[in-house]
Amino acid sequence: MFALIAAVLFLLSLVFALADLAVGGVLTVTTLEIAGLLCVALHLMGLGAGWSAFKR
């Protein structure tokens, strides 16, 4: 699930970069890329998956 969110965030980041857009001072290309990297890290950690490595 987090991998899909990361892909969407990276797609939005690419569109914003190509169109040279920024929504206010908060939603910029950099913030979308950082949010995407956070989602990738959470996905690699195992969160949002159907199974959990922490269950016994």
Foldseek 3Di string as FASTA:
>chain_A
DLQVVLVVLLVVLVVCVVVVDADPPQRHSVNSNVSSVVSVVCVVQPPPDPDDPPDD
